[in-house]
């Protein structure tokens, strides 16, 4: 649906509006899944498989423990701070079953970032991986956290394998710094104790909050997007309609989940939606270990794959990429950052399946638009609005702009949050409930939307707007460039100028060669005035390049 008559038609089989009943909570959605698909495989990690029936039982144990031992009340906040492992869906679903609000937390947060998030959300309990428990120890006394549950990576792998994984992680790889949390309970002990306790289903209404999903903090202090059960149910049904022509409910659909489950993309596309259709998730704990990732991919005949541009680009540059069996792959979806054209083209060429870009934010549960997977996708765009969702391009006063004009992307739909937790939401929405994304974009002649860049990342060169995404896309096309990030830096003559940070794929690349290339491909004011070759670019744990970190580094070096 769109307020504009020229919006592109939906692919065959996809309705403009979802019609299914949304008057339920996630507890009903999960219960329906467990009843219908109980014996099917639900999650796999490091070779260990758990069925939906096992997830249901273990999450009941976890919920019972929270209710009886932690004494949680409906609406209490519980933080989950882990990478992808089997403990995550159990803790996630168990917390929701207990009536809690889940606060997903990046394991790589610094103690300062943890303290801010836990205090802002008023977290009562936390489940944390042992690798980062030392950071919790540092700030625990400054929070209101009353209960700590610690787990190790191998805890649910069972037998010799689980013991070995925990030994290697702690003793061989030295990945668990020493910590002292005397109050902490072990995750496996919690499940054992919960098995002896009674679970009571709470009264959860659709408008009750399910998640406080904190923004990544890439442009400032992170804020908690308040997502209700109704938001997430609507999002699940929207995505179900979008993928219905491609994915078959109750059949052998297999999702590769390399994006961490604490990220909104994996949380509500890989986890919630795939559970809704009875699919299986293969959880990748450390996708940055590319050789190990390829080794894991070779074990499976997967049908769907989500990731970010840097992940797809990294895989494509692995020498044994072609050894993976890509024949079952129906499509790959890129989100979190722009999918660069050369990456999408190379992916499609080598896998014979499309890599399309979607778009969304924590505030929209997340998906708001996506490119179709029926062959009508358009590279360089974020696709068309998903069902029951409206996108509009607005000026600074909230006026809807015409096709082809550049302005702020605004979103309206049942998956959009009600606002930020404990914040003044003045200016977050335009009149009529249009959420302001802060992204600059436009809609083309066929109704496909395109992100030009983040509003805060735009570079002003002598009055001309330069969008880093555009410059990065051009430079990334150079055959000797692996990764690139572009920022604006101060310039006495033109207020700002362009600086490019380059990671080489070929060590023979020189600054002169790259400047000559930019001379041919970019107009004068868009060309980088400064070029710096670096070994790596700062990234979030999801793999999103953090321009903010580069700006901070520049500011420090010029202080």
Protein backbone atom coordinates (compact mmCIF):
# COMPACT_ATOMS: atom_id res chain seq x y z
CA UNK A 1 0.00 0.00 0.00
CA UNK A 2 1.24 3.51 -0.71
CA UNK A 3 -0.10 7.03 -0.62
CA UNK A 4 1.23 7.41 -4.15
CA UNK A 5 -0.64 5.96 -7.17
CA UNK A 6 2.51 5.07 -9.08
CA UNK A 7 3.81 2.51 -6.59
CA UNK A 8 5.09 -0.68 -8.25
CA UNK A 9 2.68 -3.60 -8.30
CA UNK A 10 3.40 -6.46 -5.92
CA UNK A 11 4.87 -9.68 -7.30
CA UNK A 12 2.35 -12.36 -8.15
CA UNK A 13 0.95 -14.05 -5.05
CA UNK A 14 1.83 -11.22 -2.64
CA UNK A 15 -1.11 -9.12 -1.38
CA UNK A 16 -0.95 -5.41 -0.64
CA UNK A 17 -2.44 -6.00 2.81
CA UNK A 18 -2.14 -8.76 5.39
CA UNK A 19 -5.54 -10.12 6.40
CA UNK A 20 -4.65 -12.71 9.04
CA UNK A 21 -5.75 -12.19 12.65
CA UNK A 22 -3.18 -10.15 14.56
CA UNK A 23 -4.98 -10.18 17.91
CA UNK A 24 -2.59 -12.52 19.66
CA UNK A 25 0.74 -12.44 21.48
CA UNK A 26 4.01 -14.11 20.63
CA UNK A 27 3.13 -16.79 23.19
CA UNK A 28 0.27 -17.96 20.96
CA UNK A 29 2.49 -17.80 17.89
CA UNK A 30 5.14 -19.96 19.56
CA UNK A 31 2.56 -22.39 20.96
CA UNK A 32 1.06 -22.88 17.50
CA UNK A 33 4.53 -23.59 16.14
CA UNK A 34 5.29 -26.14 18.85
CA UNK A 35 1.97 -27.92 18.29
CA UNK A 36 2.31 -28.09 14.52
CA UNK A 37 6.02 -28.74 14.11
CA UNK A 38 7.08 -30.31 17.43
CA UNK A 39 9.12 -33.16 15.93
CA UNK A 40 10.83 -31.02 13.30
CA UNK A 41 14.39 -29.74 13.71
CA UNK A 42 14.35 -26.13 14.88
CA UNK A 43 17.92 -25.00 15.62
CA UNK A 44 21.40 -26.38 15.02
CA UNK A 45 24.69 -25.08 16.38
CA UNK A 46 28.13 -26.69 16.22
CA UNK A 47 26.53 -29.92 15.04
CA UNK A 48 24.01 -30.15 17.89
CA UNK A 49 20.35 -30.17 16.78
CA UNK A 50 17.30 -29.32 18.87
CA UNK A 51 13.71 -29.96 17.78
CA UNK A 52 10.80 -27.61 18.34
CA UNK A 53 9.54 -29.94 21.06
CA UNK A 54 12.87 -29.71 22.88
CA UNK A 55 12.95 -25.91 22.56
CA UNK A 56 9.40 -25.75 23.93
CA UNK A 57 10.26 -27.92 26.94
CA UNK A 58 13.54 -26.18 27.79
CA UNK A 59 11.99 -22.70 27.42
CA UNK A 60 9.20 -23.80 29.80
CA UNK A 61 11.88 -24.75 32.33
CA UNK A 62 13.57 -21.39 31.90
CA UNK A 63 10.27 -19.51 32.26
CA UNK A 64 9.35 -21.50 35.38
CA UNK A 65 12.68 -20.62 36.98
CA UNK A 66 12.19 -16.92 36.24
CA UNK A 67 8.71 -16.98 37.74
CA UNK A 68 9.50 -19.01 40.85
CA UNK A 69 13.11 -18.17 41.69
CA UNK A 70 13.75 -14.76 40.13
CA UNK A 71 10.16 -13.74 40.98
CA UNK A 72 9.68 -11.84 37.75
CA UNK A 73 6.45 -9.97 37.23
CA UNK A 74 4.81 -9.20 33.92
CA UNK A 75 6.78 -6.41 32.24
CA UNK A 76 10.06 -6.94 34.11
CA UNK A 77 13.08 -6.50 31.85
CA UNK A 78 15.60 -9.28 31.29
CA UNK A 79 18.76 -8.77 29.24
CA UNK A 80 20.20 -11.46 26.97
CA UNK A 81 23.86 -10.97 26.05
CA UNK A 82 25.14 -13.87 23.97
CA UNK A 83 26.36 -14.72 20.47
CA UNK A 84 24.44 -17.25 18.39
CA UNK A 85 24.17 -20.48 20.38
CA UNK A 86 21.38 -22.86 21.38
CA UNK A 87 20.94 -21.09 24.72
CA UNK A 88 19.69 -17.97 22.93
CA UNK A 89 16.30 -19.17 21.62
CA UNK A 90 15.64 -20.99 24.90
CA UNK A 91 16.33 -17.87 26.99
CA UNK A 92 14.50 -15.62 24.51
CA UNK A 93 11.32 -17.70 24.31
CA UNK A 94 11.45 -18.60 27.99
CA UNK A 95 11.66 -14.95 29.03
CA UNK A 96 8.67 -14.07 26.84
CA UNK A 97 6.73 -17.04 28.24
CA UNK A 98 7.38 -15.67 31.72
CA UNK A 99 5.88 -12.33 30.72
CA UNK A 100 9.19 -10.48 30.62
CA UNK A 101 10.31 -7.77 28.23
CA UNK A 102 13.48 -8.93 26.47
CA UNK A 103 16.40 -6.50 26.19
CA UNK A 104 18.73 -7.91 23.52
CA UNK A 105 22.32 -6.82 24.16
CA UNK A 106 25.42 -6.90 21.99
CA UNK A 107 28.04 -9.12 23.73
CA UNK A 108 30.82 -6.84 22.51
CA UNK A 109 29.45 -3.77 24.27
CA UNK A 110 31.97 -1.99 26.46
CA UNK A 111 31.20 -1.78 30.19
CA UNK A 112 30.13 1.84 29.66
CA UNK A 113 27.66 0.85 26.94
CA UNK A 114 26.34 -2.02 29.06
CA UNK A 115 25.83 0.25 32.04
CA UNK A 116 23.88 2.75 29.94
CA UNK A 117 21.59 0.15 28.40
CA UNK A 118 20.92 -1.81 31.59
CA UNK A 119 20.13 1.31 33.59
CA UNK A 120 18.05 2.85 30.85
CA UNK A 121 15.97 -0.34 30.56
CA UNK A 122 15.97 -0.92 34.33
CA UNK A 123 17.03 -4.52 33.80
CA UNK A 124 16.20 -6.91 36.67
CA UNK A 125 18.00 -10.06 35.41
CA UNK A 126 20.56 -10.97 32.77
CA UNK A 127 21.67 -14.06 30.88
CA UNK A 128 25.26 -13.58 29.72
CA UNK A 129 27.93 -15.65 28.00
CA UNK A 130 30.95 -16.28 30.25
CA UNK A 131 33.32 -14.69 27.72
CA UNK A 132 32.01 -11.24 28.67
CA UNK A 133 31.09 -11.75 32.32
CA UNK A 134 34.17 -9.75 33.36
CA UNK A 135 32.63 -6.65 31.78
CA UNK A 136 29.42 -7.23 33.72
CA UNK A 137 31.41 -7.57 36.95
CA UNK A 138 32.89 -4.13 36.33
CA UNK A 139 29.52 -2.34 36.24
CA UNK A 140 27.11 -4.65 38.09
CA UNK A 141 27.09 -2.58 41.28
CA UNK A 142 26.09 0.49 39.25
CA UNK A 143 22.93 -1.21 37.95
CA UNK A 144 19.68 -2.55 39.41
CA UNK A 145 20.35 -6.09 38.19
CA UNK A 146 19.37 -8.58 40.91
CA UNK A 147 19.92 -11.91 39.16
CA UNK A 148 22.74 -13.12 36.89
CA UNK A 149 22.72 -16.32 34.83
CA UNK A 150 26.01 -17.26 33.16
CA UNK A 151 26.46 -19.76 30.36
CA UNK A 152 29.42 -21.11 28.37
CA UNK A 153 29.38 -21.77 24.64
CA UNK A 154 29.37 -25.56 24.93
CA UNK A 155 26.76 -25.88 27.68
CA UNK A 156 24.00 -27.34 25.50
CA UNK A 157 26.18 -29.36 23.14
CA UNK A 158 26.17 -32.26 25.57
CA UNK A 159 28.65 -34.94 26.59
CA UNK A 160 32.29 -34.89 25.63
CA UNK A 161 31.78 -32.30 22.87
CA UNK A 162 30.31 -29.69 25.20
CA UNK A 163 33.05 -30.22 27.75
CA UNK A 164 35.73 -30.02 25.07
CA UNK A 165 34.33 -26.82 23.54
CA UNK A 166 34.24 -25.13 26.93
CA UNK A 167 37.77 -26.28 27.72
CA UNK A 168 39.17 -25.04 24.39
CA UNK A 169 37.37 -21.68 24.60
CA UNK A 170 38.54 -21.05 28.17
CA UNK A 171 41.91 -22.78 28.50
CA UNK A 172 43.33 -23.00 24.98
CA UNK A 173 41.99 -19.91 23.20
CA UNK A 174 41.90 -17.89 26.44
CA UNK A 175 38.59 -16.30 25.44
CA UNK A 176 37.12 -16.15 28.97
CA UNK A 177 38.85 -13.54 31.14
CA UNK A 178 38.62 -14.24 34.85
CA UNK A 179 35.64 -12.79 36.67
CA UNK A 180 33.96 -12.95 40.06
CA UNK A 181 30.17 -13.00 40.18
CA UNK A 182 29.31 -14.98 43.35
CA UNK A 183 25.57 -14.41 42.87
CA UNK A 184 25.55 -15.93 39.37
CA UNK A 185 23.72 -19.13 38.52
CA UNK A 186 24.79 -21.51 35.76
CA UNK A 187 22.43 -21.76 32.78
CA UNK A 188 22.25 -25.57 32.88
CA UNK A 189 21.54 -25.49 36.63
CA UNK A 190 18.71 -23.02 35.98
CA UNK A 191 17.12 -25.42 33.46
CA UNK A 192 17.44 -28.35 35.88
CA UNK A 193 15.87 -26.33 38.69
CA UNK A 194 13.12 -25.02 36.41
CA UNK A 195 12.19 -28.58 35.41
CA UNK A 196 11.01 -29.12 38.99
CA UNK A 197 8.98 -25.91 39.11
CA UNK A 198 5.50 -25.00 37.90
CA UNK A 199 5.13 -22.71 34.88
CA UNK A 200 2.09 -20.43 34.79
CA UNK A 201 1.17 -18.75 31.52
CA UNK A 202 0.81 -14.99 32.08
CA UNK A 203 -1.93 -12.82 30.60
CA UNK A 204 -0.14 -11.12 27.71
CA UNK A 205 -2.06 -8.70 25.51
CA UNK A 206 -1.06 -7.73 21.95
CA UNK A 207 -0.16 -4.17 22.95
CA UNK A 208 2.14 -5.30 25.77
CA UNK A 209 5.83 -4.69 25.11
CA UNK A 210 7.82 -7.71 23.95
CA UNK A 211 11.25 -6.19 23.20
CA UNK A 212 13.27 -3.13 24.04
CA UNK A 213 15.41 -3.24 20.94
CA UNK A 214 18.26 -0.80 21.38
CA UNK A 215 19.55 0.97 18.31
CA UNK A 216 23.16 0.22 17.44
CA UNK A 217 24.40 3.54 18.71
CA UNK A 218 26.30 4.15 15.43
CA UNK A 219 25.10 7.78 15.40
CA UNK A 220 24.97 8.49 19.13
CA UNK A 221 23.76 7.06 22.45
CA UNK A 222 21.59 4.00 21.85
CA UNK A 223 17.84 4.23 22.52
CA UNK A 224 15.36 1.45 23.18
CA UNK A 225 12.75 0.98 20.47
CA UNK A 226 9.57 -0.20 22.19
CA UNK A 227 8.25 -3.14 20.15
CA UNK A 228 4.96 -4.70 21.22
CA UNK A 229 3.77 -8.26 20.69
CA UNK A 230 1.39 -6.79 18.08
CA UNK A 231 4.30 -5.14 16.24
CA UNK A 232 6.22 -8.41 16.01
CA UNK A 233 3.14 -10.50 15.13
CA UNK A 234 2.28 -8.05 12.33
CA UNK A 235 5.87 -8.15 11.09
CA UNK A 236 5.84 -11.96 11.10
CA UNK A 237 2.63 -12.09 9.06
CA UNK A 238 3.95 -9.44 6.66
CA UNK A 239 7.15 -11.40 6.04
CA UNK A 240 5.14 -14.59 5.73
CA UNK A 241 3.13 -13.07 2.87
CA UNK A 242 6.27 -11.72 1.24
CA UNK A 243 8.02 -15.10 1.21
CA UNK A 244 4.94 -17.29 0.72
CA UNK A 245 5.48 -17.77 -3.05
CA UNK A 246 9.05 -18.86 -2.35
CA UNK A 247 9.12 -20.71 0.98
CA UNK A 248 6.88 -23.64 1.87
CA UNK A 249 5.43 -23.88 5.36
CA UNK A 250 6.23 -27.09 7.19
CA UNK A 251 8.66 -28.28 4.55
CA UNK A 252 12.43 -28.46 4.65
CA UNK A 253 13.39 -24.78 4.61
CA UNK A 254 16.81 -24.13 6.11
CA UNK A 255 18.04 -20.68 7.07
CA UNK A 256 21.70 -19.81 7.58
CA UNK A 257 21.78 -17.45 10.56
CA UNK A 258 25.11 -15.68 10.67
CA UNK A 259 23.64 -12.39 11.85
CA UNK A 260 23.50 -12.55 15.67
CA UNK A 261 20.06 -13.13 17.17
CA UNK A 262 20.35 -10.00 19.31
CA UNK A 263 20.18 -8.01 16.06
CA UNK A 264 16.65 -7.07 14.98
CA UNK A 265 17.10 -8.60 11.50
CA UNK A 266 17.97 -12.08 12.78
CA UNK A 267 15.60 -11.79 15.74
CA UNK A 268 12.43 -11.29 13.71
CA UNK A 269 13.28 -12.66 10.26
CA UNK A 270 15.56 -15.61 10.97
CA UNK A 271 14.09 -16.56 14.35
CA UNK A 272 10.46 -15.48 14.76
CA UNK A 273 9.36 -15.77 11.13
CA UNK A 274 11.22 -19.01 10.41
CA UNK A 275 9.71 -20.54 13.54
CA UNK A 276 6.28 -19.48 12.31
CA UNK A 277 6.68 -21.63 9.19
CA UNK A 278 8.40 -24.53 10.96
CA UNK A 279 11.78 -23.97 9.32
CA UNK A 280 15.22 -24.76 10.68
CA UNK A 281 17.95 -22.29 11.66
CA UNK A 282 21.64 -23.12 11.54
CA UNK A 283 23.20 -20.76 14.08
CA UNK A 284 26.69 -19.52 13.19
CA UNK A 285 28.49 -18.45 16.35
CA UNK A 286 31.48 -16.73 14.73
CA UNK A 287 30.92 -15.80 11.07
CA UNK A 288 34.12 -13.75 11.08
CA UNK A 289 36.01 -17.03 11.03
CA UNK A 290 35.51 -17.29 7.27
CA UNK A 291 37.29 -20.65 6.76
CA UNK A 292 35.22 -22.13 9.59
CA UNK A 293 32.07 -20.55 8.18
CA UNK A 294 32.70 -22.08 4.73
CA UNK A 295 33.34 -25.45 6.39
CA UNK A 296 29.94 -25.22 8.14
CA UNK A 297 28.15 -24.16 4.95
CA UNK A 298 29.50 -27.23 3.15
CA UNK A 299 27.55 -29.46 5.58
CA UNK A 300 24.10 -28.15 4.64
CA UNK A 301 21.67 -27.80 1.75
CA UNK A 302 20.25 -24.44 2.79
CA UNK A 303 17.44 -22.55 1.10
CA UNK A 304 17.75 -19.02 2.51
CA UNK A 305 20.61 -16.85 3.67
CA UNK A 306 20.62 -13.45 5.36
CA UNK A 307 23.60 -11.22 5.97
CA UNK A 308 25.21 -7.85 5.51
CA UNK A 309 27.28 -6.66 2.56
CA UNK A 310 30.63 -7.18 4.30
CA UNK A 311 29.68 -10.79 5.10
CA UNK A 312 28.72 -11.62 1.51
CA UNK A 313 31.82 -9.85 0.20
CA UNK A 314 34.03 -11.73 2.65
CA UNK A 315 32.58 -15.09 1.59
CA UNK A 316 33.02 -14.28 -2.09
CA UNK A 317 36.72 -13.67 -1.47
CA UNK A 318 37.28 -17.08 0.11
CA UNK A 319 39.29 -19.41 -2.16
CA UNK A 320 36.97 -22.38 -1.50
CA UNK A 321 33.69 -20.49 -1.99
CA UNK A 322 32.86 -22.67 -5.01
CA UNK A 323 33.11 -25.85 -2.88
CA UNK A 324 29.83 -24.93 -1.13
CA UNK A 325 26.68 -26.52 -2.55
CA UNK A 326 24.56 -23.52 -3.56
CA UNK A 327 22.01 -25.48 -5.61
CA UNK A 328 19.23 -25.38 -2.98
CA UNK A 329 19.57 -21.65 -2.28
CA UNK A 330 16.39 -19.80 -3.24
CA UNK A 331 17.79 -16.38 -2.43
CA UNK A 332 19.89 -14.24 -0.14
CA UNK A 333 18.75 -11.07 1.61
CA UNK A 334 21.12 -8.28 2.53
CA UNK A 335 20.26 -5.70 5.17
CA UNK A 336 21.83 -3.50 7.82
CA UNK A 337 23.84 -1.58 5.22
CA UNK A 338 23.74 -1.05 1.46
CA UNK A 339 24.40 -4.11 -0.70
CA UNK A 340 26.96 -2.94 -3.21
CA UNK A 341 26.20 -3.65 -6.86
CA UNK A 342 29.43 -5.50 -7.60
CA UNK A 343 28.84 -7.81 -4.60
CA UNK A 344 25.27 -8.60 -5.71
CA UNK A 345 26.37 -9.26 -9.29
CA UNK A 346 29.26 -11.53 -8.29
CA UNK A 347 27.04 -13.41 -5.79
CA UNK A 348 24.38 -14.09 -8.41
CA UNK A 349 27.01 -15.12 -10.93
CA UNK A 350 28.68 -17.65 -8.59
CA UNK A 351 25.61 -19.03 -6.77
CA UNK A 352 23.01 -18.75 -9.55
CA UNK A 353 20.61 -17.20 -7.04
CA UNK A 354 19.80 -13.55 -6.34
CA UNK A 355 21.23 -11.41 -3.56
CA UNK A 356 18.64 -8.70 -2.99
CA UNK A 357 18.57 -5.76 -0.63
CA UNK A 358 15.89 -5.13 1.96
CA UNK A 359 15.43 -2.20 4.29
CA UNK A 360 14.33 -1.69 7.84
CA UNK A 361 15.31 -0.50 11.28
CA UNK A 362 15.04 -1.61 14.89
CA UNK A 363 12.15 0.82 15.11
CA UNK A 364 10.21 -1.03 12.38
CA UNK A 365 10.67 -4.60 13.67
CA UNK A 366 12.64 -4.35 11.15
CA UNK A 367 11.49 -4.89 7.54
CA UNK A 368 9.73 -2.02 5.76
CA UNK A 369 10.68 -2.73 2.16
CA UNK A 370 12.43 -5.42 0.17
CA UNK A 371 13.34 -6.37 -3.35
CA UNK A 372 11.28 -9.23 -4.75
CA UNK A 373 12.96 -12.61 -5.15
CA UNK A 374 11.01 -13.43 -8.32
CA UNK A 375 13.58 -11.98 -10.71
CA UNK A 376 12.13 -8.45 -10.75
CA UNK A 377 14.57 -7.10 -8.16
CA UNK A 378 16.45 -3.93 -8.94
CA UNK A 379 20.06 -3.61 -7.83
CA UNK A 380 20.95 -0.45 -6.00
CA UNK A 381 17.48 -0.11 -4.47
CA UNK A 382 15.81 -1.21 -1.24
CA UNK A 383 12.85 -2.55 -3.20
CA UNK A 384 9.19 -1.77 -2.65
CA UNK A 385 7.14 -1.55 0.58
CA UNK A 386 6.16 -4.91 2.06
CA UNK A 387 2.42 -5.60 2.61
CA UNK A 388 0.44 -3.24 4.89
CA UNK A 389 3.37 -0.81 4.86
CA UNK A 390 3.69 2.67 3.41
CA UNK A 391 6.89 4.49 2.51
CA UNK A 392 7.04 8.16 1.64
CA UNK A 393 9.73 10.70 0.86
CA UNK A 394 9.24 13.81 3.01
CA UNK A 395 10.83 17.23 3.36
CA UNK A 396 11.88 18.68 6.72
CA UNK A 397 8.31 19.85 7.42
CA UNK A 398 6.75 16.46 6.75
CA UNK A 399 5.35 17.30 3.32
CA UNK A 400 5.21 14.30 0.96
CA UNK A 401 7.50 14.85 -2.00
CA UNK A 402 6.95 13.75 -5.56
CA UNK A 403 8.46 10.81 -7.38
CA UNK A 404 12.14 11.40 -8.13
CA UNK A 405 12.64 14.03 -5.42
CA UNK A 406 15.16 13.48 -2.63
CA UNK A 407 14.10 13.70 1.01
CA UNK A 408 13.78 11.75 4.25
CA UNK A 409 12.35 8.22 4.09
CA UNK A 410 9.32 7.94 6.37
CA UNK A 411 7.45 4.73 7.25
CA UNK A 412 3.96 3.86 8.39
CA UNK A 413 2.73 0.35 9.22
CA UNK A 414 1.62 -2.04 11.98
CA UNK A 415 5.22 -3.14 12.62
CA UNK A 416 6.37 0.40 13.54
CA UNK A 417 7.23 0.99 17.20
CA UNK A 418 5.14 3.20 19.47
CA UNK A 419 8.20 5.24 20.43
CA UNK A 420 11.50 5.12 22.30
CA UNK A 421 11.58 3.83 25.86
CA UNK A 422 11.49 6.63 28.45
CA UNK A 423 12.34 9.28 25.87
CA UNK A 424 10.73 12.46 24.63
CA UNK A 425 9.46 11.33 21.25
CA UNK A 426 8.94 14.84 19.95
CA UNK A 427 10.10 14.91 16.33
CA UNK A 428 10.31 11.12 15.99
CA UNK A 429 7.08 11.01 13.97
CA UNK A 430 5.53 13.37 11.46
CA UNK A 431 1.80 14.07 11.62
CA UNK A 432 -0.25 11.00 10.76
CA UNK A 433 2.13 8.55 12.44
CA UNK A 434 4.94 8.66 9.86
CA UNK A 435 8.16 7.43 11.48
CA UNK A 436 11.18 9.52 10.49
CA UNK A 437 14.07 7.20 9.65
CA UNK A 438 16.86 9.76 9.26
CA UNK A 439 17.74 8.12 5.94
CA UNK A 440 17.82 10.19 2.76
CA UNK A 441 16.20 8.56 -0.23
CA UNK A 442 14.02 8.78 -3.30
CA UNK A 443 11.46 6.73 -5.22
CA UNK A 444 12.14 5.98 -8.88
CA UNK A 445 9.71 5.91 -11.78
CA UNK A 446 8.67 2.30 -11.09
CA UNK A 447 8.05 2.70 -7.37
CA UNK A 448 11.34 1.24 -6.17
CA UNK A 449 12.92 3.13 -3.29
CA UNK A 450 16.58 3.99 -3.05
CA UNK A 451 18.64 5.13 -0.07
CA UNK A 452 20.94 7.98 -0.90
CA UNK A 453 22.56 8.04 2.54
CA UNK A 454 22.17 8.70 6.22
CA UNK A 455 21.16 12.28 6.92
CA UNK A 456 23.92 12.64 9.51
CA UNK A 457 26.60 11.20 7.19
CA UNK A 458 25.97 13.59 4.31
CA UNK A 459 29.08 15.61 3.38
CA UNK A 460 28.78 19.29 2.42
CA UNK A 461 31.43 20.22 -0.12
CA UNK A 462 31.14 23.93 -1.00
CA UNK A 463 27.36 23.74 -0.79
CA UNK A 464 27.10 20.49 -2.76
CA UNK A 465 25.73 17.41 -1.02
CA UNK A 466 27.97 14.35 -1.28
CA UNK A 467 26.52 11.03 -0.17
CA UNK A 468 29.15 8.56 1.12
CA UNK A 469 27.20 5.53 -0.18
CA UNK A 470 27.54 6.75 -3.76
CA UNK A 471 31.29 7.36 -3.50
CA UNK A 472 31.82 4.05 -1.70
CA UNK A 473 29.87 2.16 -4.35
CA UNK A 474 32.06 3.62 -7.11
CA UNK A 475 35.37 2.96 -5.32
CA UNK A 476 34.30 -0.57 -4.31
CA UNK A 477 33.96 -1.39 -8.00
CA UNK A 478 37.74 -1.11 -8.40
CA UNK A 479 39.14 -4.61 -8.80
CA UNK A 480 41.90 -4.03 -6.24
CA UNK A 481 39.63 -2.70 -3.48
CA UNK A 482 38.27 -5.09 -0.85
CA UNK A 483 36.41 -2.60 1.37
CA UNK A 484 35.93 1.15 1.53
CA UNK A 485 34.44 3.73 3.87
CA UNK A 486 33.99 7.42 3.15
CA UNK A 487 33.53 10.29 5.61
CA UNK A 488 33.58 14.06 5.54
CA UNK A 489 36.50 15.90 7.17
CA UNK A 490 36.96 19.60 7.84
CA UNK A 491 38.37 21.69 5.01
CA UNK A 492 39.19 25.42 5.15
CA UNK A 493 38.30 26.02 1.50
CA UNK A 494 35.06 24.06 1.20
CA UNK A 495 33.78 23.51 4.78
CA UNK A 496 34.14 19.74 4.25
CA UNK A 497 35.90 17.41 1.88
CA UNK A 498 35.80 13.69 1.15
CA UNK A 499 38.19 11.23 2.78
CA UNK A 500 38.26 7.56 1.78
CA UNK A 501 39.61 4.69 3.89
CA UNK A 502 40.59 1.73 1.73
CA UNK A 503 41.29 -1.93 2.49
CA UNK A 504 43.18 -3.44 -0.44
CA UNK A 505 42.38 -6.78 -2.04
CA UNK A 506 45.55 -6.46 -4.10
CA UNK A 507 48.64 -5.04 -2.34
CA UNK A 508 49.84 -3.51 -5.61
CA UNK A 509 47.13 -0.83 -5.49
CA UNK A 510 48.63 2.67 -5.19
CA UNK A 511 47.12 6.00 -4.28
CA UNK A 512 47.96 7.33 -7.74
CA UNK A 513 46.12 4.45 -9.40
CA UNK A 514 43.06 4.96 -7.26
CA UNK A 515 43.04 8.73 -7.85
CA UNK A 516 43.20 8.17 -11.59
CA UNK A 517 40.24 5.82 -11.32
CA UNK A 518 38.22 8.34 -9.28
CA UNK A 519 39.11 11.03 -11.82
CA UNK A 520 37.30 8.99 -14.46
CA UNK A 521 34.33 7.87 -12.36
CA UNK A 522 33.48 10.79 -10.04
CA UNK A 523 32.74 14.46 -10.58
CA UNK A 524 35.16 16.93 -9.01
CA UNK A 525 33.55 17.66 -5.64
CA UNK A 526 32.83 13.94 -5.01
CA UNK A 527 36.41 12.80 -5.47
CA UNK A 528 38.30 11.97 -2.26
CA UNK A 529 40.72 14.72 -1.31
CA UNK A 530 42.37 12.34 1.13
CA UNK A 531 42.97 8.61 0.74
CA UNK A 532 44.20 6.39 3.55
CA UNK A 533 44.99 2.70 3.19
CA UNK A 534 44.12 0.67 6.29
CA UNK A 535 44.37 -2.99 7.28
CA UNK A 536 40.74 -3.12 8.38
CA UNK A 537 37.69 -0.94 8.89
CA UNK A 538 35.86 -0.60 12.21
CA UNK A 539 32.69 -2.71 12.20
CA UNK A 540 29.83 -3.56 14.47
CA UNK A 541 29.51 -7.17 15.58
CA UNK A 542 27.05 -7.64 12.72
CA UNK A 543 29.68 -6.47 10.24
CA UNK A 544 28.27 -3.02 9.53
CA UNK A 545 31.03 -0.50 8.80
CA UNK A 546 31.05 2.20 11.48
CA UNK A 547 31.80 5.57 9.89
CA UNK A 548 31.31 7.11 13.33
CA UNK A 549 34.47 5.37 14.59
CA UNK A 550 36.45 6.77 11.68
CA UNK A 551 35.14 10.27 12.41
CA UNK A 552 36.12 9.90 16.06
CA UNK A 553 39.60 8.76 15.07
CA UNK A 554 40.00 11.74 12.76
CA UNK A 555 38.87 14.12 15.47
CA UNK A 556 41.37 12.67 17.94
CA UNK A 557 44.26 12.87 15.47
CA UNK A 558 43.46 16.52 14.70
CA UNK A 559 42.94 17.57 18.32
